[in-house]
Amino acid sequence: MSKVSTNISIDAETKAKAQIMLADLGLDLSTAVNIFLKQMLYEGGIPFSITRDVPNQTTLEAMKEAKEILRFPDRYKKYDDVDSMMEDILSEI
């Protein structure tokens, strides 16, 4: 299979760090990119999960609750120790 040359833009620091790591693995950047592309074709998509770093709904609600507690601390019960807190929680079950 014939090879073609391709130009890609990479942040200089990222490229340098990647080349150091790849050299430690006995690979060069071109080989690593080829491995990535072949794996992508094999899997039928990007070979790793790409997600946004966005909190899920549960975390968003916990963050909102934490802000509320900080804003109005007198509205919430405080405990001096874990045992007291657990006793109170278990008494409500």
Protein backbone atom coordinates (compact mmCIF):
# COMPACT_ATOMS: atom_id res chain seq x y z
CA MET A 1 0.00 0.00 0.00
CA SER A 2 1.43 3.38 -0.97
CA LYS A 3 2.02 6.05 1.62
CA VAL A 4 1.00 9.70 1.44
CA SER A 5 2.37 12.61 3.38
CA THR A 6 -0.11 14.54 5.53
CA ASN A 7 0.36 17.81 7.39
CA ILE A 8 -1.32 18.29 10.74
CA SER A 9 -1.08 21.13 13.23
CA ILE A 10 -0.11 20.17 16.78
CA ASP A 11 0.71 22.37 19.74
CA ALA A 12 4.54 22.40 20.01
CA GLU A 13 4.60 21.39 23.68
CA THR A 14 2.11 18.57 23.13
CA LYS A 15 4.14 17.27 20.18
CA ALA A 16 7.40 17.35 22.13
CA LYS A 17 5.92 15.55 25.14
CA ALA A 18 4.22 12.97 22.91
CA GLN A 19 7.46 12.31 21.04
CA ILE A 20 9.29 11.69 24.32
CA MET A 21 6.63 9.24 25.49
CA LEU A 22 6.44 7.52 22.11
CA ALA A 23 10.23 7.16 21.96
CA ASP A 24 10.06 5.42 25.33
CA LEU A 25 7.59 3.00 23.72
CA GLY A 26 9.83 2.54 20.68
CA LEU A 27 7.50 4.46 18.37
CA ASP A 28 7.63 7.66 16.38
CA LEU A 29 4.80 10.15 15.90
CA SER A 30 3.99 8.92 12.40
CA THR A 31 3.63 5.33 13.59
CA ALA A 32 1.44 6.42 16.53
CA VAL A 33 -0.87 8.40 14.22
CA ASN A 34 -1.12 5.40 11.89
CA ILE A 35 -1.98 3.13 14.85
CA PHE A 36 -4.68 5.59 15.93
CA LEU A 37 -6.19 5.79 12.43
CA LYS A 38 -6.15 2.00 11.93
CA GLN A 39 -7.79 1.47 15.33
CA MET A 40 -10.40 4.09 14.46
CA LEU A 41 -11.23 2.25 11.24
CA TYR A 42 -11.31 -1.10 13.06
CA GLU A 43 -13.70 0.18 15.74
CA GLY A 44 -15.77 2.31 13.38
CA GLY A 45 -15.16 5.50 15.36
CA ILE A 46 -12.82 7.27 17.72
CA PRO A 47 -11.16 4.49 19.78
CA PHE A 48 -11.76 6.20 23.12
CA SER A 49 -14.55 8.13 24.78
CA ILE A 50 -14.78 11.84 24.07
CA THR A 51 -16.93 13.62 26.60
CA ARG A 52 -17.44 17.12 27.90
CA ASP A 53 -16.32 17.84 31.42
CA VAL A 54 -19.82 18.80 32.51
CA PRO A 55 -21.31 17.70 35.82
CA ASN A 56 -24.30 15.35 35.62
CA GLN A 57 -27.70 16.29 37.07
CA THR A 58 -26.98 14.75 40.49
CA THR A 59 -23.74 16.70 40.82
CA LEU A 60 -25.41 19.93 39.67
CA GLU A 61 -28.10 19.48 42.34
CA ALA A 62 -25.45 18.79 45.01
CA MET A 63 -23.54 21.93 43.96
CA LYS A 64 -26.76 23.97 44.19
CA GLU A 65 -27.46 22.53 47.64
CA ALA A 66 -23.91 23.30 48.82
CA LYS A 67 -24.25 26.92 47.68
CA GLU A 68 -27.58 27.14 49.51
CA ILE A 69 -26.00 25.80 52.73
CA LEU A 70 -23.16 28.32 52.46
CA ARG A 71 -25.59 31.15 51.81
CA PHE A 72 -28.03 30.27 54.62
CA PRO A 73 -26.09 28.16 57.16
CA ASP A 74 -28.63 28.72 59.95
CA ARG A 75 -31.32 26.85 58.00
CA TYR A 76 -29.43 23.56 58.27
CA LYS A 77 -28.78 21.28 61.22
CA LYS A 78 -25.18 20.92 62.33
CA TYR A 79 -23.53 17.95 64.02
CA ASP A 80 -20.49 17.75 66.29
CA ASP A 81 -19.66 14.19 65.32
CA VAL A 82 -20.59 11.45 62.85
CA ASP A 83 -22.26 9.29 65.49
CA SER A 84 -24.79 12.03 66.30
CA MET A 85 -25.49 12.57 62.63
CA MET A 86 -25.99 8.83 61.97
CA GLU A 87 -28.26 8.50 65.01
CA ASP A 88 -30.41 11.34 63.69
CA ILE A 89 -30.52 9.91 60.18
CA LEU A 90 -31.38 6.39 61.36
CA SER A 91 -34.12 7.67 63.66
CA GLU A 92 -35.94 9.02 60.60
CA ILE A 93 -35.99 5.69 58.80
